[in-house]
Amino acid sequence: EIPLLMTFDGEWGLNMRLKEIPAFPRNRVLGSIQDNELLYEYGKEVARQFREIGVHVNFAPVADVDNNPLNPVINTRSFGGDPRNVAEKVVAYSRGLEKGGVLSVSKHFPGHGDTNVDSHKALPILNFTRARLDSIEMYPFRQAVQAGLGGVMVGHLEVPALSKKPASLSSDIIGILKNEIGFKGMVFTDALEMKGVSNNQNVCAQALMAGNDMVLAPRNLKRELDAVLVAVKNGQLTEESITERCRKVLTFKYVLGLHDRKPIQMSGLENRLKRPETKDLLGRLEKASVTVVGNEGGILPMAVDLKNT
């Protein structure tokens, strides 16, 4: 009676998961573009493609500031190493997505950029002061919230300056997002099957108690659901808090148009996903991202002595 909310992890569009779809550049390339209106246009086009196949939520963009060359998992998924530029790109792209009717989800709060561990495999540690976290890691998320964007994903990250628990299971860290920064939208966990938190018992119940609205990809759904019901029965989770999250999800379903769901038009779908306008936008993004290398010392152009090479 109430349709499912369809989500998609498409950081560089449908091509991240589906073959033979136009491939947009990674964020690192897009971070070089000076015209943020192009990022907004790109977000709208990604949203159009998502809606063509019935998707309502994109787990993107990556709002992490990539300032660690040893980071094994973020790297080119980030718009770059300048917090302000990252924030501008996050806001422009996300506004385009949401203008096109797809919920943006900035990730991975409070920031996965300066780590040398992949949270799919273990729990990264961010040993930074609160002042440093505010000025770099959390800066793009703060700007996204101020822009009124709708979704944030909390990462599996240990941040001793903020909490003794992993961020995705920490009421202190999610409290910073909701109470200090003022985020009123949908809070998602990162996938709970990831090894950064998967060894925690009753991880879904813990995530809900911490303040997340939606929990993603637990390993054993029946076991986790039973644990949530036990937590409600024991008073660790109140029925009111569950009802509040359900109402939020229903509100977002309504805003995203699920109250007036239309069937996917299969005929001509491939042509609609590969429009000439899409190819044109792809070309403009690539052209706008071309970056001239600084010529400090005047070494360019290099003089090559062909006789002695």
C-alpha atoms as a PDB file:
ATOM      1  CA  GLU A   1       0.000   0.000   0.000  1.00  0.00           C
ATOM      2  CA  ILE A   2       2.922   2.319   0.756  1.00  0.00           C
ATOM      3  CA  PRO A   3       5.656   1.837  -1.858  1.00  0.00           C
ATOM      4  CA  LEU A   4       9.274   1.093  -0.974  1.00  0.00           C
ATOM      5  CA  LEU A   5      11.863   3.844  -0.975  1.00  0.00           C
ATOM      6  CA  MET A   6      14.310   2.805  -3.701  1.00  0.00           C
ATOM      7  CA  THR A   7      17.930   3.713  -2.960  1.00  0.00           C
ATOM      8  CA  PHE A   8      21.070   3.522  -5.091  1.00  0.00           C
ATOM      9  CA  ASP A   9      24.776   3.907  -4.347  1.00  0.00           C
ATOM     10  CA  GLY A  10      25.728   5.862  -7.450  1.00  0.00           C
ATOM     11  CA  GLU A  11      28.511   8.307  -6.657  1.00  0.00           C
ATOM     12  CA  TRP A  12      29.254   8.872 -10.346  1.00  0.00           C
ATOM     13  CA  GLY A  13      25.780   8.055 -11.594  1.00  0.00           C
ATOM     14  CA  LEU A  14      24.109   4.893 -12.798  1.00  0.00           C
ATOM     15  CA  ASN A  15      27.311   3.714 -14.456  1.00  0.00           C
ATOM     16  CA  MET A  16      28.793   2.967 -11.016  1.00  0.00           C
ATOM     17  CA  ARG A  17      26.461  -0.062 -10.837  1.00  0.00           C
ATOM     18  CA  LEU A  18      24.903  -0.587 -14.279  1.00  0.00           C
ATOM     19  CA  LYS A  19      26.744  -1.406 -17.483  1.00  0.00           C
ATOM     20  CA  GLU A  20      26.405   0.463 -20.772  1.00  0.00           C
ATOM     21  CA  ILE A  21      25.189   3.695 -19.159  1.00  0.00           C
ATOM     22  CA  PRO A  22      27.009   6.987 -19.909  1.00  0.00           C
ATOM     23  CA  ALA A  23      29.937   7.223 -17.483  1.00  0.00           C
ATOM     24  CA  PHE A  24      30.376  10.563 -15.711  1.00  0.00           C
ATOM     25  CA  PRO A  25      33.777  11.552 -14.278  1.00  0.00           C
ATOM     26  CA  ARG A  26      34.802  10.769 -10.704  1.00  0.00           C
ATOM     27  CA  ASN A  27      34.503  13.539  -8.150  1.00  0.00           C
ATOM     28  CA  ARG A  28      38.226  14.268  -8.223  1.00  0.00           C
ATOM     29  CA  VAL A  29      37.835  15.394 -11.843  1.00  0.00           C
ATOM     30  CA  LEU A  30      34.673  17.373 -11.091  1.00  0.00           C
ATOM     31  CA  GLY A  31      36.440  19.116  -8.215  1.00  0.00           C
ATOM     32  CA  SER A  32      38.622  20.893 -10.784  1.00  0.00           C
ATOM     33  CA  ILE A  33      35.635  22.611 -12.409  1.00  0.00           C
ATOM     34  CA  GLN A  34      35.341  26.315 -11.590  1.00  0.00           C
ATOM     35  CA  ASP A  35      31.706  26.713 -12.694  1.00  0.00           C
ATOM     36  CA  ASN A  36      29.547  25.222  -9.937  1.00  0.00           C
ATOM     37  CA  GLU A  37      26.451  25.654 -12.118  1.00  0.00           C
ATOM     38  CA  LEU A  38      27.814  22.776 -14.189  1.00  0.00           C
ATOM     39  CA  LEU A  39      27.837  20.624 -11.045  1.00  0.00           C
ATOM     40  CA  TYR A  40      24.215  21.617 -10.425  1.00  0.00           C
ATOM     41  CA  GLU A  41      23.306  20.665 -13.997  1.00  0.00           C
ATOM     42  CA  TYR A  42      25.142  17.365 -13.587  1.00  0.00           C
ATOM     43  CA  GLY A  43      23.172  16.616 -10.410  1.00  0.00           C
ATOM     44  CA  LYS A  44      19.888  17.269 -12.221  1.00  0.00           C
ATOM     45  CA  GLU A  45      20.873  14.912 -15.042  1.00  0.00           C
ATOM     46  CA  VAL A  46      21.844  12.145 -12.621  1.00  0.00           C
ATOM     47  CA  ALA A  47      18.494  12.623 -10.869  1.00  0.00           C
ATOM     48  CA  ARG A  48      16.652  12.418 -14.201  1.00  0.00           C
ATOM     49  CA  GLN A  49      18.337   9.124 -15.005  1.00  0.00           C
ATOM     50  CA  PHE A  50      17.615   7.758 -11.529  1.00  0.00           C
ATOM     51  CA  ARG A  51      13.936   8.666 -11.762  1.00  0.00           C
ATOM     52  CA  GLU A  52      13.729   6.966 -15.157  1.00  0.00           C
ATOM     53  CA  ILE A  53      14.465   3.632 -13.451  1.00  0.00           C
ATOM     54  CA  GLY A  54      12.465   4.391 -10.289  1.00  0.00           C
ATOM     55  CA  VAL A  55      15.193   5.420  -7.811  1.00  0.00           C
ATOM     56  CA  HIS A  56      14.416   8.004  -5.115  1.00  0.00           C
ATOM     57  CA  VAL A  57      17.636   8.241  -3.060  1.00  0.00           C
ATOM     58  CA  ASN A  58      21.286   8.456  -4.116  1.00  0.00           C
ATOM     59  CA  PHE A  59      23.931   7.676  -1.500  1.00  0.00           C
ATOM     60  CA  ALA A  60      26.036  10.550  -2.802  1.00  0.00           C
ATOM     61  CA  PRO A  61      27.921  12.820  -2.845  1.00  0.00           C
ATOM     62  CA  VAL A  62      31.066  11.970  -0.924  1.00  0.00           C
ATOM     63  CA  ALA A  63      31.620  15.053   1.244  1.00  0.00           C
ATOM     64  CA  ASP A  64      34.924  13.830   2.664  1.00  0.00           C
ATOM     65  CA  VAL A  65      37.981  16.063   2.307  1.00  0.00           C
ATOM     66  CA  ASP A  66      40.742  13.959   0.761  1.00  0.00           C
ATOM     67  CA  ASN A  67      43.858  15.127   2.572  1.00  0.00           C
ATOM     68  CA  ASN A  68      45.632  11.806   3.093  1.00  0.00           C
ATOM     69  CA  PRO A  69      47.475  10.312   0.086  1.00  0.00           C
ATOM     70  CA  LEU A  70      47.518   6.935   1.862  1.00  0.00           C
ATOM     71  CA  ASN A  71      43.716   6.759   2.071  1.00  0.00           C
ATOM     72  CA  PRO A  72      42.831   3.396   0.501  1.00  0.00           C
ATOM     73  CA  VAL A  73      39.108   3.969  -0.010  1.00  0.00           C
ATOM     74  CA  ILE A  74      38.169   7.657  -0.544  1.00  0.00           C
ATOM     75  CA  ASN A  75      40.798   9.109  -2.881  1.00  0.00           C
ATOM     76  CA  THR A  76      39.207  10.023  -6.251  1.00  0.00           C
ATOM     77  CA  ARG A  77      35.726   9.664  -4.745  1.00  0.00           C
ATOM     78  CA  SER A  78      36.354  13.036  -3.049  1.00  0.00           C
ATOM     79  CA  PHE A  79      36.101  16.427  -4.758  1.00  0.00           C
ATOM     80  CA  GLY A  80      39.584  17.245  -3.411  1.00  0.00           C
ATOM     81  CA  GLY A  81      41.621  18.440  -0.468  1.00  0.00           C
ATOM     82  CA  ASP A  82      40.269  21.978  -0.016  1.00  0.00           C
ATOM     83  CA  PRO A  83      37.325  21.937   2.436  1.00  0.00           C
ATOM     84  CA  ARG A  84      35.694  25.008   0.882  1.00  0.00           C
ATOM     85  CA  ASN A  85      35.893  23.726  -2.655  1.00  0.00           C
ATOM     86  CA  VAL A  86      34.599  20.330  -1.528  1.00  0.00           C
ATOM     87  CA  ALA A  87      31.694  22.049   0.234  1.00  0.00           C
ATOM     88  CA  GLU A  88      30.813  24.127  -2.833  1.00  0.00           C
ATOM     89  CA  LYS A  89      30.790  21.052  -5.066  1.00  0.00           C
ATOM     90  CA  VAL A  90      28.780  19.013  -2.555  1.00  0.00           C
ATOM     91  CA  VAL A  91      26.120  21.711  -2.297  1.00  0.00           C
ATOM     92  CA  ALA A  92      25.908  22.380  -6.055  1.00  0.00           C
ATOM     93  CA  TYR A  93      25.659  18.711  -7.026  1.00  0.00           C
ATOM     94  CA  SER A  94      23.233  17.873  -4.199  1.00  0.00           C
ATOM     95  CA  ARG A  95      20.962  20.780  -5.074  1.00  0.00           C
ATOM     96  CA  GLY A  96      20.830  19.460  -8.623  1.00  0.00           C
ATOM     97  CA  LEU A  97      19.927  15.978  -7.402  1.00  0.00           C
ATOM     98  CA  GLU A  98      17.161  17.270  -5.152  1.00  0.00           C
ATOM     99  CA  LYS A  99      15.831  19.667  -7.800  1.00  0.00           C
ATOM    100  CA  GLY A 100      15.455  16.559  -9.952  1.00  0.00           C
ATOM    101  CA  GLY A 101      13.475  14.736  -7.279  1.00  0.00           C
ATOM    102  CA  VAL A 102      16.212  12.517  -5.812  1.00  0.00           C
ATOM    103  CA  LEU A 103      17.357  12.761  -2.191  1.00  0.00           C
ATOM    104  CA  SER A 104      21.071  13.516  -1.804  1.00  0.00           C
ATOM    105  CA  VAL A 105      22.985  11.820   1.004  1.00  0.00           C
ATOM    106  CA  SER A 106      26.288  13.502   1.923  1.00  0.00           C
ATOM    107  CA  LYS A 107      28.769  10.996   3.345  1.00  0.00           C
ATOM    108  CA  HIS A 108      30.659   9.871   5.483  1.00  0.00           C
ATOM    109  CA  PHE A 109      30.031  12.100   8.551  1.00  0.00           C
ATOM    110  CA  PRO A 110      32.070  13.318  10.392  1.00  0.00           C
ATOM    111  CA  GLY A 111      34.653  12.747   7.615  1.00  0.00           C
ATOM    112  CA  HIS A 112      36.508   9.747   6.151  1.00  0.00           C
ATOM    113  CA  GLY A 113      39.130  11.678   4.163  1.00  0.00           C
ATOM    114  CA  ASP A 114      42.155  11.644   6.448  1.00  0.00           C
ATOM    115  CA  THR A 115      42.325   7.924   7.240  1.00  0.00           C
ATOM    116  CA  ASN A 116      44.667   5.161   6.138  1.00  0.00           C
ATOM    117  CA  VAL A 117      42.183   2.371   6.877  1.00  0.00           C
ATOM    118  CA  ASP A 118      39.199   1.238   4.784  1.00  0.00           C
ATOM    119  CA  SER A 119      36.089   1.023   6.994  1.00  0.00           C
ATOM    120  CA  HIS A 120      34.892  -1.911   4.886  1.00  0.00           C
ATOM    121  CA  LYS A 121      37.758  -3.885   6.434  1.00  0.00           C
ATOM    122  CA  ALA A 122      38.414  -2.328   9.868  1.00  0.00           C
ATOM    123  CA  LEU A 123      37.549   0.703  11.998  1.00  0.00           C
ATOM    124  CA  PRO A 124      39.546   3.823  11.035  1.00  0.00           C
ATOM    125  CA  ILE A 125      40.649   6.216  13.793  1.00  0.00           C
ATOM    126  CA  LEU A 126      40.647  10.013  13.433  1.00  0.00           C
ATOM    127  CA  ASN A 127      42.990  11.315  16.147  1.00  0.00           C
ATOM    128  CA  PHE A 128      42.238  15.009  15.651  1.00  0.00           C
ATOM    129  CA  THR A 129      41.141  17.817  17.931  1.00  0.00           C
ATOM    130  CA  ARG A 130      37.603  19.150  17.827  1.00  0.00           C
ATOM    131  CA  ALA A 131      38.908  22.409  16.345  1.00  0.00           C
ATOM    132  CA  ARG A 132      40.604  20.542  13.502  1.00  0.00           C
ATOM    133  CA  LEU A 133      37.482  18.427  12.847  1.00  0.00           C
ATOM    134  CA  ASP A 134      35.296  21.537  12.741  1.00  0.00           C
ATOM    135  CA  SER A 135      37.576  23.362  10.312  1.00  0.00           C
ATOM    136  CA  ILE A 136      38.252  20.511   7.882  1.00  0.00           C
ATOM    137  CA  GLU A 137      36.365  17.193   8.207  1.00  0.00           C
ATOM    138  CA  MET A 138      32.960  18.525   9.251  1.00  0.00           C
ATOM    139  CA  TYR A 139      33.076  21.749   7.248  1.00  0.00           C
ATOM    140  CA  PRO A 140      31.437  20.402   4.040  1.00  0.00           C
ATOM    141  CA  PHE A 141      28.713  18.678   6.067  1.00  0.00           C
ATOM    142  CA  ARG A 142      27.958  21.898   7.927  1.00  0.00           C
ATOM    143  CA  GLN A 143      27.602  23.729   4.602  1.00  0.00           C
ATOM    144  CA  ALA A 144      25.331  20.995   3.242  1.00  0.00           C
ATOM    145  CA  VAL A 145      23.082  21.299   6.290  1.00  0.00           C
ATOM    146  CA  GLN A 146      22.977  25.097   6.011  1.00  0.00           C
ATOM    147  CA  ALA A 147      21.968  24.682   2.357  1.00  0.00           C
ATOM    148  CA  GLY A 148      18.927  22.679   3.474  1.00  0.00           C
ATOM    149  CA  LEU A 149      19.936  19.383   1.869  1.00  0.00           C
ATOM    150  CA  GLY A 150      18.024  16.292   2.866  1.00  0.00           C
ATOM    151  CA  GLY A 151      20.322  13.366   3.707  1.00  0.00           C
ATOM    152  CA  VAL A 152      23.529  12.554   5.583  1.00  0.00           C
ATOM    153  CA  MET A 153      25.261   9.192   5.992  1.00  0.00           C
ATOM    154  CA  VAL A 154      27.253   8.571   9.160  1.00  0.00           C
ATOM    155  CA  GLY A 155      30.495   6.649   8.702  1.00  0.00           C
ATOM    156  CA  HIS A 156      32.055   3.833  10.682  1.00  0.00           C
ATOM    157  CA  LEU A 157      34.803   5.963  12.178  1.00  0.00           C
ATOM    158  CA  GLU A 158      36.386   6.142  15.617  1.00  0.00           C
ATOM    159  CA  VAL A 159      36.814   9.769  16.671  1.00  0.00           C
ATOM    160  CA  PRO A 160      38.200   9.869  20.244  1.00  0.00           C
ATOM    161  CA  ALA A 161      37.794  13.640  20.562  1.00  0.00           C
ATOM    162  CA  LEU A 162      34.042  13.245  20.043  1.00  0.00           C
ATOM    163  CA  SER A 163      33.043   9.831  21.398  1.00  0.00           C
ATOM    164  CA  LYS A 164      34.208   6.464  22.704  1.00  0.00           C
ATOM    165  CA  LYS A 165      31.911   4.683  20.221  1.00  0.00           C
ATOM    166  CA  PRO A 166      32.115   4.456  16.411  1.00  0.00           C
ATOM    167  CA  ALA A 167      30.401   7.466  14.831  1.00  0.00           C
ATOM    168  CA  SER A 168      27.561   5.409  13.337  1.00  0.00           C
ATOM    169  CA  LEU A 169      26.722   4.031  16.811  1.00  0.00           C
ATOM    170  CA  SER A 170      27.388   7.208  18.788  1.00  0.00           C
ATOM    171  CA  SER A 171      24.628   9.425  20.141  1.00  0.00           C
ATOM    172  CA  ASP A 172      27.307  12.033  20.896  1.00  0.00           C
ATOM    173  CA  ILE A 173      28.459  12.297  17.268  1.00  0.00           C
ATOM    174  CA  ILE A 174      24.982  12.071  15.766  1.00  0.00           C
ATOM    175  CA  GLY A 175      23.959  14.618  18.410  1.00  0.00           C
ATOM    176  CA  ILE A 176      26.556  17.013  16.992  1.00  0.00           C
ATOM    177  CA  LEU A 177      24.995  16.555  13.540  1.00  0.00           C
ATOM    178  CA  LYS A 178      21.426  17.019  14.748  1.00  0.00           C
ATOM    179  CA  ASN A 179      21.683  19.397  17.686  1.00  0.00           C
ATOM    180  CA  GLU A 180      24.813  21.487  17.112  1.00  0.00           C
ATOM    181  CA  ILE A 181      24.851  21.643  13.313  1.00  0.00           C
ATOM    182  CA  GLY A 182      21.060  21.573  13.178  1.00  0.00           C
ATOM    183  CA  PHE A 183      20.399  18.803  10.666  1.00  0.00           C
ATOM    184  CA  LYS A 184      16.691  17.927  10.424  1.00  0.00           C
ATOM    185  CA  GLY A 185      16.811  15.558   7.453  1.00  0.00           C
ATOM    186  CA  MET A 186      17.296  11.807   7.082  1.00  0.00           C
ATOM    187  CA  VAL A 187      20.266  10.240   8.877  1.00  0.00           C
ATOM    188  CA  PHE A 188      21.500   6.958   7.388  1.00  0.00           C
ATOM    189  CA  THR A 189      24.144   4.587   8.707  1.00  0.00           C
ATOM    190  CA  ASP A 190      26.778   3.312   6.342  1.00  0.00           C
ATOM    191  CA  ALA A 191      26.313  -0.390   5.558  1.00  0.00           C
ATOM    192  CA  LEU A 192      26.249  -2.302   8.840  1.00  0.00           C
ATOM    193  CA  GLU A 193      27.749  -5.405   7.242  1.00  0.00           C
ATOM    194  CA  MET A 194      31.064  -3.528   6.926  1.00  0.00           C
ATOM    195  CA  LYS A 195      33.782  -4.832   9.242  1.00  0.00           C
ATOM    196  CA  GLY A 196      34.223  -1.422  10.832  1.00  0.00           C
ATOM    197  CA  VAL A 197      31.151  -2.157  13.008  1.00  0.00           C
ATOM    198  CA  SER A 198      29.793  -5.584  12.035  1.00  0.00           C
ATOM    199  CA  ASN A 199      31.326  -7.242  15.121  1.00  0.00           C
ATOM    200  CA  ASN A 200      29.114  -5.124  17.401  1.00  0.00           C
ATOM    201  CA  GLN A 201      26.241  -7.097  18.880  1.00  0.00           C
ATOM    202  CA  ASN A 202      22.713  -5.902  18.055  1.00  0.00           C
ATOM    203  CA  VAL A 203      24.205  -3.274  15.780  1.00  0.00           C
ATOM    204  CA  CYS A 204      20.850  -2.089  14.368  1.00  0.00           C
ATOM    205  CA  ALA A 205      19.407  -1.481  17.825  1.00  0.00           C
ATOM    206  CA  GLN A 206      22.579   0.386  18.778  1.00  0.00           C
ATOM    207  CA  ALA A 207      22.381   2.478  15.602  1.00  0.00           C
ATOM    208  CA  LEU A 208      18.760   3.424  16.277  1.00  0.00           C
ATOM    209  CA  MET A 209      19.506   4.257  19.899  1.00  0.00           C
ATOM    210  CA  ALA A 210      22.322   6.509  18.652  1.00  0.00           C
ATOM    211  CA  GLY A 211      19.850   8.552  16.591  1.00  0.00           C
ATOM    212  CA  ASN A 212      20.032   7.180  13.039  1.00  0.00           C
ATOM    213  CA  ASP A 213      16.777   7.212  11.097  1.00  0.00           C
ATOM    214  CA  MET A 214      17.550   4.364   8.699  1.00  0.00           C
ATOM    215  CA  VAL A 215      19.962   1.430   9.068  1.00  0.00           C
ATOM    216  CA  LEU A 216      21.573  -0.052   5.983  1.00  0.00           C
ATOM    217  CA  ALA A 217      22.465  -3.635   5.076  1.00  0.00           C
ATOM    218  CA  PRO A 218      22.703  -5.560   8.349  1.00  0.00           C
ATOM    219  CA  ARG A 219      24.046  -9.097   7.958  1.00  0.00           C
ATOM    220  CA  ASN A 220      21.150 -10.954   9.605  1.00  0.00           C
ATOM    221  CA  LEU A 221      17.920  -9.017   9.275  1.00  0.00           C
ATOM    222  CA  LYS A 222      15.761 -11.341  11.381  1.00  0.00           C
ATOM    223  CA  ARG A 223      18.232 -11.414  14.268  1.00  0.00           C
ATOM    224  CA  GLU A 224      18.694  -7.644  14.139  1.00  0.00           C
ATOM    225  CA  LEU A 225      14.951  -6.981  14.007  1.00  0.00           C
ATOM    226  CA  ASP A 226      14.366  -9.255  17.000  1.00  0.00           C
ATOM    227  CA  ALA A 227      17.050  -7.307  18.902  1.00  0.00           C
ATOM    228  CA  VAL A 228      15.315  -4.009  18.082  1.00  0.00           C
ATOM    229  CA  LEU A 229      12.020  -5.368  19.425  1.00  0.00           C
ATOM    230  CA  VAL A 230      13.791  -6.516  22.600  1.00  0.00           C
ATOM    231  CA  ALA A 231      15.329  -3.047  22.982  1.00  0.00           C
ATOM    232  CA  VAL A 232      11.854  -1.507  22.731  1.00  0.00           C
ATOM    233  CA  LYS A 233      10.465  -4.005  25.237  1.00  0.00           C
ATOM    234  CA  ASN A 234      13.314  -3.283  27.669  1.00  0.00           C
ATOM    235  CA  GLY A 235      12.876   0.476  27.349  1.00  0.00           C
ATOM    236  CA  GLN A 236      16.260   1.058  25.682  1.00  0.00           C
ATOM    237  CA  LEU A 237      14.345   2.289  22.629  1.00  0.00           C
ATOM    238  CA  THR A 238      11.011   4.008  23.093  1.00  0.00           C
ATOM    239  CA  GLU A 239       8.050   3.357  20.822  1.00  0.00           C
ATOM    240  CA  GLU A 240       7.840   7.142  20.430  1.00  0.00           C
ATOM    241  CA  SER A 241      11.354   7.258  18.934  1.00  0.00           C
ATOM    242  CA  ILE A 242      10.500   4.470  16.480  1.00  0.00           C
ATOM    243  CA  THR A 243       7.286   6.263  15.538  1.00  0.00           C
ATOM    244  CA  GLU A 244       9.212   9.506  15.011  1.00  0.00           C
ATOM    245  CA  ARG A 245      11.628   7.798  12.573  1.00  0.00           C
ATOM    246  CA  CYS A 246       8.751   6.098  10.739  1.00  0.00           C
ATOM    247  CA  ARG A 247       6.959   9.422  10.331  1.00  0.00           C
ATOM    248  CA  LYS A 248      10.142  10.989   8.988  1.00  0.00           C
ATOM    249  CA  VAL A 249      10.538   8.178   6.433  1.00  0.00           C
ATOM    250  CA  LEU A 250       6.888   8.524   5.402  1.00  0.00           C
ATOM    251  CA  THR A 251       7.330  12.288   5.045  1.00  0.00           C
ATOM    252  CA  PHE A 252      10.310  11.812   2.757  1.00  0.00           C
ATOM    253  CA  LYS A 253       8.400   9.197   0.755  1.00  0.00           C
ATOM    254  CA  TYR A 254       5.647  11.754   0.218  1.00  0.00           C
ATOM    255  CA  VAL A 255       8.053  14.542  -0.721  1.00  0.00           C
ATOM    256  CA  LEU A 256       9.802  12.228  -3.184  1.00  0.00           C
ATOM    257  CA  GLY A 257       6.484  11.477  -4.890  1.00  0.00           C
ATOM    258  CA  LEU A 258       5.719   7.956  -3.721  1.00  0.00           C
ATOM    259  CA  HIS A 259       2.121   8.968  -2.985  1.00  0.00           C
ATOM    260  CA  ASP A 260       1.644   9.280  -6.750  1.00  0.00           C
ATOM    261  CA  ARG A 261       3.870   6.503  -8.020  1.00  0.00           C
ATOM    262  CA  LYS A 262       3.859   5.950 -11.755  1.00  0.00           C
ATOM    263  CA  PRO A 263       5.002   2.732 -13.457  1.00  0.00           C
ATOM    264  CA  ILE A 264       8.426   2.696 -15.102  1.00  0.00           C
ATOM    265  CA  GLN A 265       8.107   3.171 -18.844  1.00  0.00           C
ATOM    266  CA  MET A 266      10.259   0.371 -20.219  1.00  0.00           C
ATOM    267  CA  SER A 267       9.838   1.131 -23.924  1.00  0.00           C
ATOM    268  CA  GLY A 268      12.492   3.589 -25.046  1.00  0.00           C
ATOM    269  CA  LEU A 269      14.234   3.511 -21.655  1.00  0.00           C
ATOM    270  CA  GLU A 270      17.715   2.985 -23.094  1.00  0.00           C
ATOM    271  CA  ASN A 271      17.314   5.944 -25.430  1.00  0.00           C
ATOM    272  CA  ARG A 272      16.139   8.147 -22.576  1.00  0.00           C
ATOM    273  CA  LEU A 273      19.202   7.198 -20.528  1.00  0.00           C
ATOM    274  CA  LYS A 274      21.531   7.936 -23.464  1.00  0.00           C
ATOM    275  CA  ARG A 275      20.100  11.223 -24.722  1.00  0.00           C
ATOM    276  CA  PRO A 276      22.240  13.502 -26.901  1.00  0.00           C
ATOM    277  CA  GLU A 277      21.910  16.110 -24.149  1.00  0.00           C
ATOM    278  CA  THR A 278      23.597  13.692 -21.740  1.00  0.00           C
ATOM    279  CA  LYS A 279      26.549  13.239 -24.078  1.00  0.00           C
ATOM    280  CA  ASP A 280      26.792  17.009 -24.489  1.00  0.00           C
ATOM    281  CA  LEU A 281      26.831  17.558 -20.719  1.00  0.00           C
ATOM    282  CA  LEU A 282      29.495  14.891 -20.330  1.00  0.00           C
ATOM    283  CA  GLY A 283      31.664  16.690 -22.877  1.00  0.00           C
ATOM    284  CA  ARG A 284      31.194  20.048 -21.152  1.00  0.00           C
ATOM    285  CA  LEU A 285      32.126  18.570 -17.777  1.00  0.00           C
ATOM    286  CA  GLU A 286      35.278  17.008 -19.170  1.00  0.00           C
ATOM    287  CA  LYS A 287      36.279  20.188 -20.992  1.00  0.00           C
ATOM    288  CA  ALA A 288      35.645  22.381 -17.942  1.00  0.00           C
ATOM    289  CA  SER A 289      37.762  20.103 -15.741  1.00  0.00           C
ATOM    290  CA  VAL A 290      40.938  20.539 -17.800  1.00  0.00           C
ATOM    291  CA  THR A 291      43.480  22.117 -15.472  1.00  0.00           C
ATOM    292  CA  VAL A 292      46.565  24.102 -16.476  1.00  0.00           C
ATOM    293  CA  VAL A 293      49.597  23.152 -14.437  1.00  0.00           C
ATOM    294  CA  GLY A 294      51.270  26.028 -12.612  1.00  0.00           C
ATOM    295  CA  ASN A 295      54.560  26.962 -14.293  1.00  0.00           C
ATOM    296  CA  GLU A 296      56.651  27.973 -11.307  1.00  0.00           C
ATOM    297  CA  GLY A 297      60.252  28.591 -12.343  1.00  0.00           C
ATOM    298  CA  GLY A 298      59.336  28.871 -16.001  1.00  0.00           C
ATOM    299  CA  ILE A 299      60.289  25.301 -16.898  1.00  0.00           C
ATOM    300  CA  LEU A 300      57.453  24.958 -19.429  1.00  0.00           C
ATOM    301  CA  PRO A 301      57.640  24.424 -22.295  1.00  0.00           C
ATOM    302  CA  MET A 302      60.523  22.022 -21.836  1.00  0.00           C
ATOM    303  CA  ALA A 303      63.321  22.374 -24.333  1.00  0.00           C
ATOM    304  CA  VAL A 304      64.204  18.949 -25.686  1.00  0.00           C
ATOM    305  CA  ASP A 305      67.523  18.377 -27.410  1.00  0.00           C
ATOM    306  CA  LEU A 306      66.533  15.633 -29.834  1.00  0.00           C
ATOM    307  CA  LYS A 307      70.136  15.043 -30.877  1.00  0.00           C
ATOM    308  CA  ASN A 308      71.172  14.032 -27.368  1.00  0.00           C
ATOM    309  CA  THR A 309      68.101  12.009 -26.299  1.00  0.00           C
END
